[in-house]
Structure formats: structure tokens, C-alpha cells
């Protein structure tokens, strides 16, 4: 809810790049999380075998 409130307060011209940067940050975080999960699962598999 806080993110939407911030976007509403920002002027319309600045809203689009802000949304883009937020989306980019979310995508980077998801990529990082999935990569670290993948690596940790690989490590667990190699330790188990």
C-alpha cells in the first residue's frame, strides 16, 4: 500500500520512470532469489550424494 501512495504523490511525468525502476528492482530481486535457491539446491544435492 505504501508504494501506491508514493506513486500518487509523485507528479505524473515522474511516475512512469519510477514504476519502471521499481519493476526492474523487483525483477532483479526475483532473479537473485531464484539464482541463490538454484545454487543452494545444487549444493544440497551434491552434499547428499
Protein backbone atom coordinates (compact mmCIF):
# COMPACT_ATOMS: atom_id res chain seq x y z
CA UNK A 1 0.00 0.00 0.00
CA UNK A 2 2.89 2.40 0.70
CA UNK A 3 4.26 2.08 -2.84
CA UNK A 4 0.94 3.12 -4.41
CA UNK A 5 0.68 6.09 -2.05
CA UNK A 6 4.17 7.24 -3.05
CA UNK A 7 3.36 6.92 -6.77
CA UNK A 8 0.18 9.00 -6.31
CA UNK A 9 2.14 11.77 -4.57
CA UNK A 10 4.75 11.97 -7.35
CA UNK A 11 3.93 14.13 -10.38
CA UNK A 12 2.56 12.16 -13.40
CA UNK A 13 5.64 12.84 -15.54
CA UNK A 14 7.91 11.22 -12.95
CA UNK A 15 5.56 8.30 -12.28
CA UNK A 16 6.43 6.21 -15.35
CA UNK A 17 10.22 6.03 -14.81
CA UNK A 18 9.56 5.38 -11.12
CA UNK A 19 7.33 2.40 -11.96
CA UNK A 20 9.95 1.14 -14.42
CA UNK A 21 12.70 1.33 -11.82
CA UNK A 22 10.52 -0.41 -9.23
CA UNK A 23 9.69 -3.18 -11.73
CA UNK A 24 13.39 -3.53 -12.60
CA UNK A 25 14.30 -3.77 -8.91
CA UNK A 26 11.63 -6.43 -8.34
CA UNK A 27 12.84 -8.43 -11.35
CA UNK A 28 16.46 -8.23 -10.18
CA UNK A 29 15.45 -9.36 -6.70
CA UNK A 30 13.47 -12.30 -8.13
CA UNK A 31 16.41 -13.28 -10.36
CA UNK A 32 18.78 -13.10 -7.38
CA UNK A 33 16.47 -15.16 -5.17
CA UNK A 34 15.88 -17.81 -7.83
CA UNK A 35 19.61 -17.98 -8.59
CA UNK A 36 20.54 -18.38 -4.92
CA UNK A 37 17.82 -21.01 -4.45
CA UNK A 38 19.12 -22.87 -7.51
CA UNK A 39 22.70 -22.76 -6.21
CA UNK A 40 21.72 -23.86 -2.71
CA UNK A 41 19.64 -26.75 -4.07
CA UNK A 42 22.60 -27.83 -6.24
CA UNK A 43 24.87 -27.73 -3.18
CA UNK A 44 22.37 -29.77 -1.14
CA UNK A 45 22.11 -32.36 -3.93
CA UNK A 46 25.90 -32.71 -4.21
CA UNK A 47 26.26 -32.99 -0.41
CA UNK A 48 23.52 -35.63 -0.23
CA UNK A 49 25.06 -37.80 -2.96
